[in-house]
Amino acid sequence: MARPRKFDEQEVLTAARAKFWRDGYAATSVQDLTDATGLGTQSLYGAFGNKHDLFLRILDDYCAFQSAGLESAVTADPSPWHGLTSAVTFEDGGRLDLPPQGCLMANSAAALSAQDEGVRALACQVYSRTLALFTRQITQAKERGEIDADIDAEQTARALIAVMQGIEFLHKSGVGEEELRLAKIAALQMIENSVAR
């Protein structure tokens, strides 16, 4: 009979996530993880598999949480278009705040997706979910007369995702608050001009 676990799984995952997020997958050793979580190697592997399995579990949980948060924030706004542009530019509480180290998924995809099928698959899933959400919001905004009814909703959604990721990159790169503010204003002006009725 298996012995019951004597640790809080969520606390362990949170500690391991913080370590991966701060240092990156490659720079985080198993010793780092055991130090961060307080578990021995055998307990860590017994509960979560190897380092890669643990990382994918953490990344999957993170993506699910972020996707749910994004959808909740976007759809909570009475205006489909305003909710979407707030999310894209990280304004008005339109999305979960970005920590200084950036998005764990974006960081992981940039560093690992070329070599890691699991990370690449998760990144593609997140992109597909975001594309579907944005397309739905744009379609609703068209139906309500908030934007030009003739624009292609899916193509516009793709462009907005690219803008959102660009703003996220600028945030992480340390360009400064004023430059980030100016970039957001420019992005919003470009977006509004392209969809104006």
N, C-alpha and C. Protein backbone atom coordinates (compact mmCIF):
# COMPACT_ATOMS: atom_id res chain seq x y z
N MET A 1 0.84 -1.18 0.00
CA MET A 1 0.00 0.00 0.00
C MET A 1 0.89 1.25 0.00
N ALA A 2 0.56 2.23 -0.87
CA ALA A 2 1.35 3.46 -0.95
C ALA A 2 1.13 4.29 0.30
N ARG A 3 2.21 4.87 0.78
CA ARG A 3 2.10 5.74 1.94
C ARG A 3 1.51 7.09 1.53
N PRO A 4 0.68 7.67 2.39
CA PRO A 4 0.11 8.98 2.04
C PRO A 4 1.19 10.05 1.98
N ARG A 5 1.02 11.02 1.11
CA ARG A 5 1.98 12.11 1.00
C ARG A 5 1.90 13.00 2.23
N LYS A 6 3.07 13.47 2.67
CA LYS A 6 3.11 14.31 3.86
C LYS A 6 3.48 15.75 3.49
N PHE A 7 3.03 16.18 2.33
CA PHE A 7 3.30 17.56 1.92
C PHE A 7 2.10 18.10 1.16
N ASP A 8 2.04 19.42 1.09
CA ASP A 8 0.96 20.09 0.36
C ASP A 8 1.40 20.22 -1.09
N GLU A 9 0.70 19.50 -1.97
CA GLU A 9 1.10 19.48 -3.38
C GLU A 9 1.11 20.86 -3.99
N GLN A 10 0.11 21.67 -3.69
CA GLN A 10 0.04 23.00 -4.29
C GLN A 10 1.18 23.88 -3.82
N GLU A 11 1.57 23.76 -2.56
CA GLU A 11 2.70 24.54 -2.06
C GLU A 11 3.99 24.15 -2.77
N VAL A 12 4.15 22.86 -3.01
CA VAL A 12 5.34 22.39 -3.72
C VAL A 12 5.35 22.92 -5.14
N LEU A 13 4.21 22.84 -5.82
CA LEU A 13 4.13 23.34 -7.19
C LEU A 13 4.39 24.84 -7.26
N THR A 14 3.86 25.57 -6.29
CA THR A 14 4.07 27.02 -6.26
C THR A 14 5.54 27.36 -6.07
N ALA A 15 6.21 26.64 -5.18
CA ALA A 15 7.64 26.89 -4.93
C ALA A 15 8.47 26.53 -6.16
N ALA A 16 8.16 25.41 -6.77
CA ALA A 16 8.90 25.01 -7.97
C ALA A 16 8.64 25.98 -9.11
N ARG A 17 7.40 26.43 -9.25
CA ARG A 17 7.08 27.39 -10.31
C ARG A 17 7.89 28.68 -10.13
N ALA A 18 7.98 29.16 -8.90
CA ALA A 18 8.74 30.39 -8.65
C ALA A 18 10.20 30.22 -9.06
N LYS A 19 10.74 29.05 -8.80
CA LYS A 19 12.14 28.79 -9.15
C LYS A 19 12.32 28.75 -10.66
N PHE A 20 11.46 28.00 -11.35
CA PHE A 20 11.54 27.94 -12.80
C PHE A 20 11.33 29.32 -13.42
N TRP A 21 10.37 30.06 -12.88
CA TRP A 21 10.02 31.37 -13.43
C TRP A 21 11.18 32.35 -13.29
N ARG A 22 11.84 32.30 -12.14
CA ARG A 22 12.94 33.24 -11.90
C ARG A 22 14.19 32.88 -12.70
N ASP A 23 14.53 31.59 -12.73
CA ASP A 23 15.82 31.20 -13.30
C ASP A 23 15.73 30.54 -14.68
N GLY A 24 14.52 30.14 -15.08
CA GLY A 24 14.37 29.45 -16.35
C GLY A 24 14.56 27.95 -16.18
N TYR A 25 14.05 27.20 -17.14
CA TYR A 25 14.10 25.74 -17.05
C TYR A 25 15.53 25.20 -17.04
N ALA A 26 16.33 25.65 -17.98
CA ALA A 26 17.67 25.09 -18.14
C ALA A 26 18.55 25.37 -16.93
N ALA A 27 18.40 26.54 -16.34
CA ALA A 27 19.26 26.93 -15.22
C ALA A 27 18.78 26.40 -13.88
N THR A 28 17.64 25.76 -13.85
CA THR A 28 17.10 25.20 -12.60
C THR A 28 17.47 23.73 -12.52
N SER A 29 18.24 23.39 -11.51
CA SER A 29 18.66 22.00 -11.32
C SER A 29 17.68 21.28 -10.40
N VAL A 30 17.80 19.96 -10.37
CA VAL A 30 16.98 19.19 -9.45
C VAL A 30 17.31 19.59 -8.02
N GLN A 31 18.57 19.86 -7.75
CA GLN A 31 18.96 20.32 -6.40
C GLN A 31 18.28 21.63 -6.06
N ASP A 32 18.20 22.54 -7.03
CA ASP A 32 17.49 23.81 -6.82
C ASP A 32 16.03 23.55 -6.44
N LEU A 33 15.43 22.58 -7.12
CA LEU A 33 14.03 22.27 -6.87
C LEU A 33 13.83 21.64 -5.49
N THR A 34 14.72 20.76 -5.11
CA THR A 34 14.58 20.16 -3.78
C THR A 34 14.81 21.21 -2.70
N ASP A 35 15.75 22.12 -2.94
CA ASP A 35 15.97 23.21 -1.97
C ASP A 35 14.74 24.11 -1.87
N ALA A 36 14.14 24.41 -3.02
CA ALA A 36 13.00 25.33 -3.04
C ALA A 36 11.75 24.70 -2.43
N THR A 37 11.56 23.41 -2.66
CA THR A 37 10.32 22.75 -2.22
C THR A 37 10.43 22.09 -0.86
N GLY A 38 11.67 21.80 -0.44
CA GLY A 38 11.86 21.09 0.82
C GLY A 38 11.68 19.59 0.70
N LEU A 39 11.48 19.10 -0.52
CA LEU A 39 11.34 17.66 -0.74
C LEU A 39 12.66 17.05 -1.16
N GLY A 40 12.85 15.80 -0.82
CA GLY A 40 13.99 15.07 -1.32
C GLY A 40 13.77 14.69 -2.77
N THR A 41 14.85 14.33 -3.44
CA THR A 41 14.75 13.97 -4.86
C THR A 41 13.77 12.84 -5.08
N GLN A 42 13.84 11.81 -4.24
CA GLN A 42 12.95 10.66 -4.41
C GLN A 42 11.49 11.05 -4.25
N SER A 43 11.20 11.88 -3.26
CA SER A 43 9.82 12.33 -3.04
C SER A 43 9.34 13.20 -4.21
N LEU A 44 10.22 14.06 -4.69
CA LEU A 44 9.86 14.94 -5.80
C LEU A 44 9.55 14.12 -7.05
N TYR A 45 10.44 13.19 -7.36
CA TYR A 45 10.23 12.36 -8.54
C TYR A 45 9.04 11.42 -8.38
N GLY A 46 8.86 10.90 -7.16
CA GLY A 46 7.74 10.00 -6.91
C GLY A 46 6.41 10.70 -7.10
N ALA A 47 6.36 11.98 -6.75
CA ALA A 47 5.10 12.72 -6.84
C ALA A 47 4.85 13.32 -8.21
N PHE A 48 5.92 13.75 -8.87
CA PHE A 48 5.73 14.55 -10.10
C PHE A 48 6.48 14.01 -11.32
N GLY A 49 7.20 12.92 -11.17
CA GLY A 49 8.01 12.45 -12.29
C GLY A 49 9.34 13.18 -12.33
N ASN A 50 9.95 13.26 -13.47
CA ASN A 50 11.26 13.92 -13.56
C ASN A 50 11.10 15.44 -13.65
N LYS A 51 12.22 16.13 -13.78
CA LYS A 51 12.20 17.60 -13.83
C LYS A 51 11.33 18.10 -14.98
N HIS A 52 11.42 17.48 -16.11
CA HIS A 52 10.65 17.91 -17.28
C HIS A 52 9.15 17.71 -17.06
N ASP A 53 8.79 16.56 -16.49
CA ASP A 53 7.37 16.31 -16.18
C ASP A 53 6.83 17.35 -15.21
N LEU A 54 7.62 17.67 -14.20
CA LEU A 54 7.21 18.67 -13.22
C LEU A 54 7.03 20.03 -13.89
N PHE A 55 7.96 20.39 -14.75
CA PHE A 55 7.88 21.67 -15.44
C PHE A 55 6.63 21.75 -16.32
N LEU A 56 6.35 20.70 -17.07
CA LEU A 56 5.17 20.71 -17.93
C LEU A 56 3.88 20.78 -17.12
N ARG A 57 3.87 20.11 -15.97
CA ARG A 57 2.69 20.19 -15.09
C ARG A 57 2.49 21.63 -14.62
N ILE A 58 3.57 22.26 -14.20
CA ILE A 58 3.50 23.65 -13.74
C ILE A 58 3.07 24.57 -14.87
N LEU A 59 3.64 24.37 -16.04
CA LEU A 59 3.32 25.23 -17.18
C LEU A 59 1.87 25.05 -17.62
N ASP A 60 1.40 23.82 -17.61
CA ASP A 60 0.01 23.54 -17.97
C ASP A 60 -0.95 24.21 -16.98
N ASP A 61 -0.67 24.08 -15.69
CA ASP A 61 -1.51 24.73 -14.67
C ASP A 61 -1.50 26.24 -14.85
N TYR A 62 -0.31 26.78 -15.10
CA TYR A 62 -0.17 28.23 -15.28
C TYR A 62 -0.98 28.71 -16.47
N CYS A 63 -0.89 27.99 -17.59
CA CYS A 63 -1.61 28.37 -18.80
C CYS A 63 -3.12 28.32 -18.60
N ALA A 64 -3.58 27.29 -17.92
CA ALA A 64 -5.02 27.18 -17.65
C ALA A 64 -5.49 28.35 -16.79
N PHE A 65 -4.72 28.70 -15.78
CA PHE A 65 -5.07 29.81 -14.90
C PHE A 65 -5.07 31.13 -15.65
N GLN A 66 -4.04 31.37 -16.45
CA GLN A 66 -3.94 32.62 -17.19
C GLN A 66 -5.05 32.75 -18.24
N SER A 67 -5.33 31.64 -18.93
CA SER A 67 -6.38 31.67 -19.95
C SER A 67 -7.74 31.97 -19.32
N ALA A 68 -8.00 31.35 -18.18
CA ALA A 68 -9.27 31.59 -17.49
C ALA A 68 -9.34 33.04 -17.01
N GLY A 69 -8.24 33.55 -16.50
CA GLY A 69 -8.20 34.94 -16.04
C GLY A 69 -8.39 35.93 -17.17
N LEU A 70 -7.76 35.65 -18.30
CA LEU A 70 -7.90 36.52 -19.46
C LEU A 70 -9.35 36.54 -19.95
N GLU A 71 -9.95 35.36 -20.07
CA GLU A 71 -11.33 35.29 -20.54
C GLU A 71 -12.28 35.99 -19.57
N SER A 72 -12.07 35.79 -18.29
CA SER A 72 -12.92 36.43 -17.29
C SER A 72 -12.81 37.95 -17.37
N ALA A 73 -11.58 38.45 -17.50
CA ALA A 73 -11.37 39.90 -17.56
C ALA A 73 -11.96 40.50 -18.83
N VAL A 74 -11.76 39.83 -19.95
CA VAL A 74 -12.23 40.35 -21.23
C VAL A 74 -13.75 40.36 -21.28
N THR A 75 -14.37 39.29 -20.83
CA THR A 75 -15.82 39.17 -20.96
C THR A 75 -16.58 39.92 -19.85
N ALA A 76 -15.89 40.34 -18.80
CA ALA A 76 -16.55 41.08 -17.73
C ALA A 76 -16.92 42.49 -18.15
N ASP A 77 -16.22 43.03 -19.13
CA ASP A 77 -16.48 44.39 -19.59
C ASP A 77 -17.79 44.40 -20.40
N PRO A 78 -18.68 45.35 -20.14
CA PRO A 78 -19.94 45.42 -20.91
C PRO A 78 -19.70 45.64 -22.40
N SER A 79 -18.58 46.25 -22.72
CA SER A 79 -18.24 46.49 -24.13
C SER A 79 -17.25 45.44 -24.60
N PRO A 80 -17.64 44.59 -25.54
CA PRO A 80 -16.70 43.58 -26.03
C PRO A 80 -15.40 44.18 -26.56
N TRP A 81 -15.51 45.31 -27.25
CA TRP A 81 -14.30 45.91 -27.84
C TRP A 81 -13.40 46.54 -26.77
N HIS A 82 -13.99 47.27 -25.84
CA HIS A 82 -13.18 47.87 -24.79
C HIS A 82 -12.52 46.80 -23.93
N GLY A 83 -13.26 45.75 -23.60
CA GLY A 83 -12.68 44.66 -22.83
C GLY A 83 -11.49 44.04 -23.53
N LEU A 84 -11.59 43.92 -24.83
CA LEU A 84 -10.51 43.32 -25.61
C LEU A 84 -9.30 44.24 -25.69
N THR A 85 -9.51 45.52 -26.00
CA THR A 85 -8.36 46.43 -26.10
C THR A 85 -7.70 46.65 -24.75
N SER A 86 -8.48 46.61 -23.68
CA SER A 86 -7.89 46.71 -22.34
C SER A 86 -6.99 45.52 -22.06
N ALA A 87 -7.41 44.35 -22.50
CA ALA A 87 -6.60 43.15 -22.31
C ALA A 87 -5.32 43.22 -23.14
N VAL A 88 -5.46 43.65 -24.37
CA VAL A 88 -4.32 43.69 -25.28
C VAL A 88 -3.24 44.65 -24.78
N THR A 89 -3.67 45.77 -24.19
CA THR A 89 -2.71 46.79 -23.73
C THR A 89 -2.45 46.73 -22.23
N PHE A 90 -3.05 45.75 -21.55
CA PHE A 90 -2.85 45.57 -20.11
C PHE A 90 -3.30 46.81 -19.32
N GLU A 91 -4.39 47.41 -19.75
CA GLU A 91 -4.90 48.61 -19.10
C GLU A 91 -6.24 48.34 -18.43
N ASP A 92 -6.62 49.22 -17.52
CA ASP A 92 -7.94 49.18 -16.87
C ASP A 92 -8.24 47.83 -16.22
N GLY A 93 -7.22 47.14 -15.73
CA GLY A 93 -7.45 45.83 -15.15
C GLY A 93 -7.89 44.82 -16.18
N GLY A 94 -7.60 45.09 -17.46
CA GLY A 94 -8.08 44.23 -18.53
C GLY A 94 -7.44 42.87 -18.56
N ARG A 95 -6.36 42.70 -17.86
CA ARG A 95 -5.70 41.40 -17.82
C ARG A 95 -4.97 41.26 -16.51
N LEU A 96 -4.61 40.03 -16.17
CA LEU A 96 -3.81 39.84 -14.97
C LEU A 96 -2.52 40.62 -15.11
N ASP A 97 -2.08 41.22 -14.02
CA ASP A 97 -0.87 42.03 -14.07
C ASP A 97 0.32 41.19 -14.53
N LEU A 98 1.21 41.84 -15.27
CA LEU A 98 2.44 41.18 -15.68
C LEU A 98 3.49 41.38 -14.61
N PRO A 99 4.06 40.32 -14.10
CA PRO A 99 5.15 40.49 -13.14
C PRO A 99 6.41 40.95 -13.87
N PRO A 100 7.40 41.47 -13.14
CA PRO A 100 8.61 41.96 -13.79
C PRO A 100 9.32 40.92 -14.66
N GLN A 101 9.22 39.65 -14.28
CA GLN A 101 9.91 38.60 -15.04
C GLN A 101 9.13 38.17 -16.28
N GLY A 102 7.96 38.78 -16.52
CA GLY A 102 7.20 38.47 -17.72
C GLY A 102 6.32 37.24 -17.53
N CYS A 103 5.72 36.82 -18.63
CA CYS A 103 4.81 35.68 -18.64
C CYS A 103 5.60 34.37 -18.68
N LEU A 104 5.27 33.46 -17.80
CA LEU A 104 5.98 32.18 -17.76
C LEU A 104 5.84 31.42 -19.08
N MET A 105 4.67 31.47 -19.69
CA MET A 105 4.47 30.76 -20.96
C MET A 105 5.29 31.40 -22.06
N ALA A 106 5.26 32.72 -22.16
CA ALA A 106 6.02 33.41 -23.20
C ALA A 106 7.51 33.17 -23.03
N ASN A 107 7.98 33.25 -21.80
CA ASN A 107 9.40 32.99 -21.53
C ASN A 107 9.78 31.58 -21.93
N SER A 108 8.94 30.63 -21.55
CA SER A 108 9.23 29.22 -21.83
C SER A 108 9.18 28.92 -23.31
N ALA A 109 8.20 29.49 -23.99
CA ALA A 109 8.09 29.26 -25.43
C ALA A 109 9.30 29.82 -26.16
N ALA A 110 9.73 31.02 -25.77
CA ALA A 110 10.87 31.63 -26.43
C ALA A 110 12.15 30.81 -26.22
N ALA A 111 12.30 30.27 -25.03
CA ALA A 111 13.53 29.55 -24.71
C ALA A 111 13.53 28.08 -25.15
N LEU A 112 12.33 27.46 -25.19
CA LEU A 112 12.31 26.00 -25.29
C LEU A 112 11.52 25.41 -26.45
N SER A 113 10.58 26.16 -27.03
CA SER A 113 9.65 25.50 -27.95
C SER A 113 10.32 24.94 -29.20
N ALA A 114 11.47 25.48 -29.60
CA ALA A 114 12.16 24.94 -30.77
C ALA A 114 12.66 23.51 -30.53
N GLN A 115 12.95 23.18 -29.25
CA GLN A 115 13.49 21.85 -28.94
C GLN A 115 12.54 20.98 -28.14
N ASP A 116 11.52 21.57 -27.56
CA ASP A 116 10.68 20.84 -26.61
C ASP A 116 9.25 20.74 -27.13
N GLU A 117 8.86 19.55 -27.56
CA GLU A 117 7.53 19.35 -28.14
C GLU A 117 6.42 19.64 -27.14
N GLY A 118 6.65 19.30 -25.87
CA GLY A 118 5.63 19.54 -24.85
C GLY A 118 5.35 21.02 -24.66
N VAL A 119 6.41 21.82 -24.59
CA VAL A 119 6.25 23.27 -24.45
C VAL A 119 5.61 23.85 -25.70
N ARG A 120 6.05 23.39 -26.87
CA ARG A 120 5.49 23.88 -28.13
C ARG A 120 4.00 23.57 -28.21
N ALA A 121 3.60 22.38 -27.80
CA ALA A 121 2.19 22.00 -27.84
C ALA A 121 1.35 22.89 -26.92
N LEU A 122 1.87 23.16 -25.72
CA LEU A 122 1.15 24.04 -24.80
C LEU A 122 1.05 25.46 -25.36
N ALA A 123 2.13 25.95 -25.95
CA ALA A 123 2.11 27.30 -26.53
C ALA A 123 1.07 27.38 -27.64
N CYS A 124 0.98 26.35 -28.45
CA CYS A 124 0.00 26.33 -29.55
C CYS A 124 -1.43 26.27 -29.00
N GLN A 125 -1.63 25.53 -27.92
CA GLN A 125 -2.96 25.47 -27.30
C GLN A 125 -3.38 26.84 -26.77
N VAL A 126 -2.45 27.52 -26.11
CA VAL A 126 -2.75 28.85 -25.57
C VAL A 126 -3.07 29.81 -26.70
N TYR A 127 -2.29 29.76 -27.77
CA TYR A 127 -2.54 30.63 -28.91
C TYR A 127 -3.93 30.37 -29.50
N SER A 128 -4.27 29.10 -29.66
CA SER A 128 -5.57 28.75 -30.23
C SER A 128 -6.72 29.23 -29.35
N ARG A 129 -6.59 29.05 -28.03
CA ARG A 129 -7.63 29.52 -27.11
C ARG A 129 -7.77 31.04 -27.16
N THR A 130 -6.63 31.73 -27.20
CA THR A 130 -6.66 33.19 -27.23
C THR A 130 -7.24 33.68 -28.55
N LEU A 131 -6.87 33.04 -29.64
CA LEU A 131 -7.41 33.41 -30.95
C LEU A 131 -8.93 33.24 -30.97
N ALA A 132 -9.42 32.15 -30.43
CA ALA A 132 -10.86 31.92 -30.40
C ALA A 132 -11.57 32.96 -29.54
N LEU A 133 -11.00 33.28 -28.37
CA LEU A 133 -11.59 34.28 -27.48
C LEU A 133 -11.63 35.65 -28.16
N PHE A 134 -10.52 36.07 -28.74
CA PHE A 134 -10.45 37.38 -29.37
C PHE A 134 -11.40 37.45 -30.58
N THR A 135 -11.44 36.39 -31.36
CA THR A 135 -12.33 36.37 -32.52
C THR A 135 -13.79 36.51 -32.08
N ARG A 136 -14.15 35.82 -31.01
CA ARG A 136 -15.51 35.90 -30.49
C ARG A 136 -15.84 37.33 -30.02
N GLN A 137 -14.88 37.95 -29.32
CA GLN A 137 -15.10 39.31 -28.84
C GLN A 137 -15.24 40.29 -30.00
N ILE A 138 -14.41 40.13 -31.00
CA ILE A 138 -14.47 41.03 -32.17
C ILE A 138 -15.80 40.85 -32.90
N THR A 139 -16.25 39.62 -33.04
CA THR A 139 -17.53 39.36 -33.68
C THR A 139 -18.67 40.03 -32.92
N GLN A 140 -18.63 39.95 -31.59
CA GLN A 140 -19.65 40.61 -30.78
C GLN A 140 -19.58 42.12 -30.93
N ALA A 141 -18.36 42.65 -30.97
CA ALA A 141 -18.19 44.10 -31.13
C ALA A 141 -18.73 44.57 -32.48
N LYS A 142 -18.54 43.77 -33.51
CA LYS A 142 -19.10 44.09 -34.83
C LYS A 142 -20.63 44.09 -34.78
N GLU A 143 -21.19 43.06 -34.15
CA GLU A 143 -22.65 42.95 -34.07
C GLU A 143 -23.27 44.10 -33.29
N ARG A 144 -22.54 44.63 -32.32
CA ARG A 144 -23.05 45.74 -31.51
C ARG A 144 -22.77 47.10 -32.14
N GLY A 145 -22.10 47.11 -33.26
CA GLY A 145 -21.79 48.36 -33.94
C GLY A 145 -20.64 49.13 -33.32
N GLU A 146 -19.83 48.49 -32.51
CA GLU A 146 -18.70 49.17 -31.88
C GLU A 146 -17.55 49.37 -32.87
N ILE A 147 -17.43 48.49 -33.85
CA ILE A 147 -16.37 48.57 -34.84
C ILE A 147 -16.95 48.27 -36.23
N ASP A 148 -16.15 48.47 -37.23
CA ASP A 148 -16.57 48.25 -38.63
C ASP A 148 -17.05 46.81 -38.82
N ALA A 149 -18.24 46.67 -39.34
CA ALA A 149 -18.83 45.34 -39.53
C ALA A 149 -18.15 44.55 -40.63
N ASP A 150 -17.34 45.20 -41.46
CA ASP A 150 -16.72 44.52 -42.59
C ASP A 150 -15.34 43.94 -42.28
N ILE A 151 -14.79 44.22 -41.12
CA ILE A 151 -13.45 43.70 -40.84
C ILE A 151 -13.50 42.19 -40.64
N ASP A 152 -12.40 41.54 -40.93
CA ASP A 152 -12.28 40.10 -40.73
C ASP A 152 -11.94 39.85 -39.26
N ALA A 153 -12.87 39.22 -38.54
CA ALA A 153 -12.69 39.05 -37.09
C ALA A 153 -11.46 38.22 -36.74
N GLU A 154 -11.24 37.12 -37.45
CA GLU A 154 -10.12 36.25 -37.11
C GLU A 154 -8.78 36.89 -37.45
N GLN A 155 -8.71 37.57 -38.59
CA GLN A 155 -7.46 38.26 -38.94
C GLN A 155 -7.16 39.38 -37.95
N THR A 156 -8.18 40.10 -37.55
CA THR A 156 -7.99 41.16 -36.56
C THR A 156 -7.55 40.58 -35.23
N ALA A 157 -8.11 39.44 -34.86
CA ALA A 157 -7.70 38.78 -33.62
C ALA A 157 -6.22 38.41 -33.67
N ARG A 158 -5.75 37.91 -34.80
CA ARG A 158 -4.33 37.56 -34.94
C ARG A 158 -3.45 38.80 -34.74
N ALA A 159 -3.87 39.91 -35.35
CA ALA A 159 -3.10 41.14 -35.21
C ALA A 159 -3.06 41.62 -33.76
N LEU A 160 -4.19 41.50 -33.07
CA LEU A 160 -4.25 41.93 -31.67
C LEU A 160 -3.37 41.06 -30.77
N ILE A 161 -3.32 39.78 -31.04
CA ILE A 161 -2.42 38.90 -30.28
C ILE A 161 -0.97 39.34 -30.48
N ALA A 162 -0.62 39.66 -31.72
CA ALA A 162 0.75 40.11 -32.00
C ALA A 162 1.06 41.41 -31.26
N VAL A 163 0.10 42.33 -31.22
CA VAL A 163 0.29 43.59 -30.49
C VAL A 163 0.46 43.30 -29.00
N MET A 164 -0.39 42.44 -28.46
CA MET A 164 -0.32 42.10 -27.04
C MET A 164 1.03 41.51 -26.67
N GLN A 165 1.53 40.61 -27.51
CA GLN A 165 2.82 40.00 -27.22
C GLN A 165 3.95 41.01 -27.34
N GLY A 166 3.82 41.95 -28.27
CA GLY A 166 4.83 43.00 -28.40
C GLY A 166 4.88 43.89 -27.18
N ILE A 167 3.72 44.25 -26.66
CA ILE A 167 3.67 45.07 -25.44
C ILE A 167 4.26 44.31 -24.27
N GLU A 168 3.96 43.02 -24.20
CA GLU A 168 4.52 42.20 -23.13
C GLU A 168 6.04 42.16 -23.23
N PHE A 169 6.57 42.03 -24.44
CA PHE A 169 8.02 42.03 -24.64
C PHE A 169 8.63 43.35 -24.17
N LEU A 170 8.01 44.47 -24.55
CA LEU A 170 8.53 45.77 -24.13
C LEU A 170 8.53 45.89 -22.61
N HIS A 171 7.46 45.40 -21.99
CA HIS A 171 7.38 45.44 -20.52
C HIS A 171 8.56 44.70 -19.89
N LYS A 172 8.84 43.51 -20.42
CA LYS A 172 9.90 42.70 -19.85
C LYS A 172 11.29 43.25 -20.18
N SER A 173 11.42 43.91 -21.32
CA SER A 173 12.74 44.36 -21.76
C SER A 173 13.26 45.56 -20.97
N GLY A 174 12.37 46.21 -20.23
CA GLY A 174 12.81 47.31 -19.38
C GLY A 174 12.96 48.64 -20.10
N VAL A 175 12.09 48.92 -21.07
CA VAL A 175 12.21 50.17 -21.82
C VAL A 175 11.83 51.39 -20.99
N GLY A 176 11.19 51.18 -19.87
CA GLY A 176 10.79 52.30 -19.01
C GLY A 176 9.30 52.55 -19.13
N GLU A 177 8.72 53.06 -18.05
CA GLU A 177 7.26 53.24 -17.99
C GLU A 177 6.77 54.23 -19.03
N GLU A 178 7.50 55.33 -19.25
CA GLU A 178 7.03 56.33 -20.20
C GLU A 178 7.04 55.80 -21.62
N GLU A 179 8.10 55.10 -22.00
CA GLU A 179 8.15 54.55 -23.35
C GLU A 179 7.09 53.47 -23.53
N LEU A 180 6.87 52.68 -22.49
CA LEU A 180 5.81 51.67 -22.56
C LEU A 180 4.45 52.33 -22.72
N ARG A 181 4.23 53.42 -22.01
CA ARG A 181 2.96 54.15 -22.13
C ARG A 181 2.77 54.68 -23.55
N LEU A 182 3.84 55.25 -24.12
CA LEU A 182 3.76 55.77 -25.48
C LEU A 182 3.50 54.65 -26.50
N ALA A 183 4.12 53.51 -26.28
CA ALA A 183 3.91 52.37 -27.18
C ALA A 183 2.47 51.90 -27.11
N LYS A 184 1.90 51.89 -25.90
CA LYS A 184 0.49 51.49 -25.76
C LYS A 184 -0.43 52.46 -26.47
N ILE A 185 -0.16 53.76 -26.32
CA ILE A 185 -0.98 54.77 -26.99
C ILE A 185 -0.91 54.60 -28.50
N ALA A 186 0.30 54.40 -29.02
CA ALA A 186 0.47 54.22 -30.46
C ALA A 186 -0.25 52.97 -30.94
N ALA A 187 -0.15 51.89 -30.18
CA ALA A 187 -0.81 50.65 -30.56
C ALA A 187 -2.32 50.83 -30.57
N LEU A 188 -2.86 51.50 -29.55
CA LEU A 188 -4.30 51.72 -29.49
C LEU A 188 -4.79 52.58 -30.64
N GLN A 189 -4.02 53.63 -30.98
CA GLN A 189 -4.40 54.48 -32.09
C GLN A 189 -4.43 53.70 -33.40
N MET A 190 -3.43 52.86 -33.60
CA MET A 190 -3.36 52.05 -34.81
C MET A 190 -4.54 51.08 -34.87
N ILE A 191 -4.82 50.45 -33.73
CA ILE A 191 -5.93 49.49 -33.68
C ILE A 191 -7.25 50.19 -33.96
N GLU A 192 -7.48 51.30 -33.27
CA GLU A 192 -8.76 52.02 -33.42
C GLU A 192 -8.93 52.51 -34.86
N ASN A 193 -7.86 53.00 -35.48
CA ASN A 193 -7.96 53.48 -36.85
C ASN A 193 -8.29 52.36 -37.82
N SER A 194 -7.79 51.17 -37.53
CA SER A 194 -7.98 50.05 -38.46
C SER A 194 -9.37 49.44 -38.38
N VAL A 195 -10.08 49.68 -37.27
CA VAL A 195 -11.40 49.06 -37.11
C VAL A 195 -12.54 50.07 -37.02
N ALA A 196 -12.18 51.34 -37.21
CA ALA A 196 -13.19 52.39 -37.05
C ALA A 196 -14.35 52.19 -38.02
N ARG A 197 -15.53 52.50 -37.56
CA ARG A 197 -16.74 52.38 -38.40
C ARG A 197 -16.76 53.46 -39.46
